Amino acid sequence: KKDMAMLHSLLGTATMSENKGESEEAEKARLKEEQKLLAAACNAATRRVVVKRPANALPLGSLGEEEDDDDIPAPSYDIRGNINRWD
């Protein structure tokens, strides 16, 4: 648990600030970072990119309510488990 807590603190995914405006900005920044990482993985991949996500989460790279980035393809296939999903 301590190792994961340290990893989350380094990645900035630890519990967000209680200030609602700051947490929304941090969430948008995190989503943009995910999009950049996924786009780089898709560009570098020769066959496929597999992403492990929580079962109830949006596909990686999706901004939810906002317009999705056209450079990031939607998952072509997914495998669902009780807790996780692989896109």
C-alpha atoms as a PDB file:
ATOM      1  CA  LYS A   1       0.000   0.000   0.000  1.00  0.00           C
ATOM      2  CA  LYS A   2       2.799   2.430   0.804  1.00  0.00           C
ATOM      3  CA  ASP A   3       4.404   1.841  -2.590  1.00  0.00           C
ATOM      4  CA  MET A   4       1.137   2.604  -4.380  1.00  0.00           C
ATOM      5  CA  ALA A   5       0.556   5.688  -2.236  1.00  0.00           C
ATOM      6  CA  MET A   6       4.013   6.954  -3.165  1.00  0.00           C
ATOM      7  CA  LEU A   7       3.375   6.231  -6.854  1.00  0.00           C
ATOM      8  CA  HIS A   8       0.057   8.099  -6.737  1.00  0.00           C
ATOM      9  CA  SER A   9       1.689  11.076  -5.051  1.00  0.00           C
ATOM     10  CA  LEU A  10       4.415  11.159  -7.725  1.00  0.00           C
ATOM     11  CA  LEU A  11       1.883  10.896 -10.549  1.00  0.00           C
ATOM     12  CA  GLY A  12      -0.419  13.481  -9.025  1.00  0.00           C
ATOM     13  CA  THR A  13      -3.318  11.052  -8.809  1.00  0.00           C
ATOM     14  CA  ALA A  14      -3.524  11.197  -5.018  1.00  0.00           C
ATOM     15  CA  THR A  15      -6.636  12.747  -3.509  1.00  0.00           C
ATOM     16  CA  MET A  16      -7.259  16.081  -5.132  1.00  0.00           C
ATOM     17  CA  SER A  17      -7.541  19.433  -3.403  1.00  0.00           C
ATOM     18  CA  GLU A  18     -10.846  20.138  -1.704  1.00  0.00           C
ATOM     19  CA  ASN A  19     -11.206  23.302  -3.778  1.00  0.00           C
ATOM     20  CA  LYS A  20     -13.679  22.386  -6.535  1.00  0.00           C
ATOM     21  CA  GLY A  21     -12.238  24.748  -9.154  1.00  0.00           C
ATOM     22  CA  GLU A  22      -8.709  23.439  -8.685  1.00  0.00           C
ATOM     23  CA  SER A  23      -9.822  19.807  -8.832  1.00  0.00           C
ATOM     24  CA  GLU A  24     -11.731  20.372 -12.095  1.00  0.00           C
ATOM     25  CA  GLU A  25      -8.684  22.016 -13.652  1.00  0.00           C
ATOM     26  CA  ALA A  26      -6.472  19.174 -12.438  1.00  0.00           C
ATOM     27  CA  GLU A  27      -8.920  16.626 -13.876  1.00  0.00           C
ATOM     28  CA  LYS A  28      -8.901  18.342 -17.283  1.00  0.00           C
ATOM     29  CA  ALA A  29      -5.104  18.440 -17.240  1.00  0.00           C
ATOM     30  CA  ARG A  30      -4.995  14.724 -16.357  1.00  0.00           C
ATOM     31  CA  LEU A  31      -7.359  13.872 -19.219  1.00  0.00           C
ATOM     32  CA  LYS A  32      -5.243  15.855 -21.684  1.00  0.00           C
ATOM     33  CA  GLU A  33      -2.140  14.024 -20.418  1.00  0.00           C
ATOM     34  CA  GLU A  34      -3.919  10.675 -20.933  1.00  0.00           C
ATOM     35  CA  GLN A  35      -4.806  11.693 -24.494  1.00  0.00           C
ATOM     36  CA  LYS A  36      -1.210  12.592 -25.284  1.00  0.00           C
ATOM     37  CA  LEU A  37       0.063   9.323 -23.838  1.00  0.00           C
ATOM     38  CA  LEU A  38      -2.505   7.246 -25.739  1.00  0.00           C
ATOM     39  CA  ALA A  39      -1.778   9.082 -28.993  1.00  0.00           C
ATOM     40  CA  ALA A  40       1.957   8.417 -28.559  1.00  0.00           C
ATOM     41  CA  ALA A  41       1.278   4.737 -27.852  1.00  0.00           C
ATOM     42  CA  CYS A  42      -0.975   4.429 -30.912  1.00  0.00           C
ATOM     43  CA  ASN A  43       1.664   6.082 -33.107  1.00  0.00           C
ATOM     44  CA  ALA A  44       4.423   3.808 -31.820  1.00  0.00           C
ATOM     45  CA  ALA A  45       2.426   0.552 -31.897  1.00  0.00           C
ATOM     46  CA  THR A  46       2.840  -1.822 -34.804  1.00  0.00           C
ATOM     47  CA  ARG A  47      -0.184  -4.015 -34.032  1.00  0.00           C
ATOM     48  CA  ARG A  48      -2.291  -2.873 -31.074  1.00  0.00           C
ATOM     49  CA  VAL A  49      -2.443  -0.919 -27.860  1.00  0.00           C
ATOM     50  CA  VAL A  50      -4.117  -2.530 -24.842  1.00  0.00           C
ATOM     51  CA  VAL A  51      -5.266  -0.316 -21.994  1.00  0.00           C
ATOM     52  CA  LYS A  52      -6.449  -1.569 -18.598  1.00  0.00           C
ATOM     53  CA  ARG A  53      -9.226   0.614 -17.166  1.00  0.00           C
ATOM     54  CA  PRO A  54     -11.814   0.412 -14.381  1.00  0.00           C
ATOM     55  CA  ALA A  55     -14.941  -1.333 -15.655  1.00  0.00           C
ATOM     56  CA  ASN A  56     -17.139   1.751 -15.222  1.00  0.00           C
ATOM     57  CA  ALA A  57     -14.650   4.330 -16.608  1.00  0.00           C
ATOM     58  CA  LEU A  58     -14.888   6.084 -19.949  1.00  0.00           C
ATOM     59  CA  PRO A  59     -12.504   4.883 -22.666  1.00  0.00           C
ATOM     60  CA  LEU A  60      -9.025   6.348 -22.310  1.00  0.00           C
ATOM     61  CA  GLY A  61      -8.703   9.590 -24.230  1.00  0.00           C
ATOM     62  CA  SER A  62     -12.375  10.448 -23.928  1.00  0.00           C
ATOM     63  CA  LEU A  63     -13.092  13.852 -22.432  1.00  0.00           C
ATOM     64  CA  GLY A  64     -16.610  12.895 -21.434  1.00  0.00           C
ATOM     65  CA  GLU A  65     -18.906  15.872 -22.025  1.00  0.00           C
ATOM     66  CA  GLU A  66     -16.502  17.752 -24.297  1.00  0.00           C
ATOM     67  CA  GLU A  67     -15.673  16.910 -27.892  1.00  0.00           C
ATOM     68  CA  ASP A  68     -13.410  13.882 -28.274  1.00  0.00           C
ATOM     69  CA  ASP A  69     -10.068  14.223 -30.015  1.00  0.00           C
ATOM     70  CA  ASP A  70     -10.282  12.939 -33.599  1.00  0.00           C
ATOM     71  CA  ASP A  71      -6.669  11.687 -33.493  1.00  0.00           C
ATOM     72  CA  ILE A  72      -7.511   9.099 -30.839  1.00  0.00           C
ATOM     73  CA  PRO A  73      -9.407   6.084 -32.127  1.00  0.00           C
ATOM     74  CA  ALA A  74     -12.245   4.557 -30.144  1.00  0.00           C
ATOM     75  CA  PRO A  75     -11.510   1.085 -28.763  1.00  0.00           C
ATOM     76  CA  SER A  76     -12.202  -1.531 -31.410  1.00  0.00           C
ATOM     77  CA  TYR A  77     -12.631  -4.315 -28.861  1.00  0.00           C
ATOM     78  CA  ASP A  78     -12.911  -4.669 -25.105  1.00  0.00           C
ATOM     79  CA  ILE A  79     -12.773  -7.469 -22.575  1.00  0.00           C
ATOM     80  CA  ARG A  80     -14.786  -6.826 -19.439  1.00  0.00           C
ATOM     81  CA  GLY A  81     -14.211  -8.259 -15.997  1.00  0.00           C
ATOM     82  CA  ASN A  82     -16.023  -7.548 -12.748  1.00  0.00           C
ATOM     83  CA  ILE A  83     -13.644  -4.733 -11.763  1.00  0.00           C
ATOM     84  CA  ASN A  84     -11.481  -4.006 -14.818  1.00  0.00           C
ATOM     85  CA  ARG A  85     -11.874  -3.654 -18.548  1.00  0.00           C
ATOM     86  CA  TRP A  86      -9.198  -4.007 -21.237  1.00  0.00           C
ATOM     87  CA  ASP A  87      -9.740  -1.830 -24.322  1.00  0.00           C
END
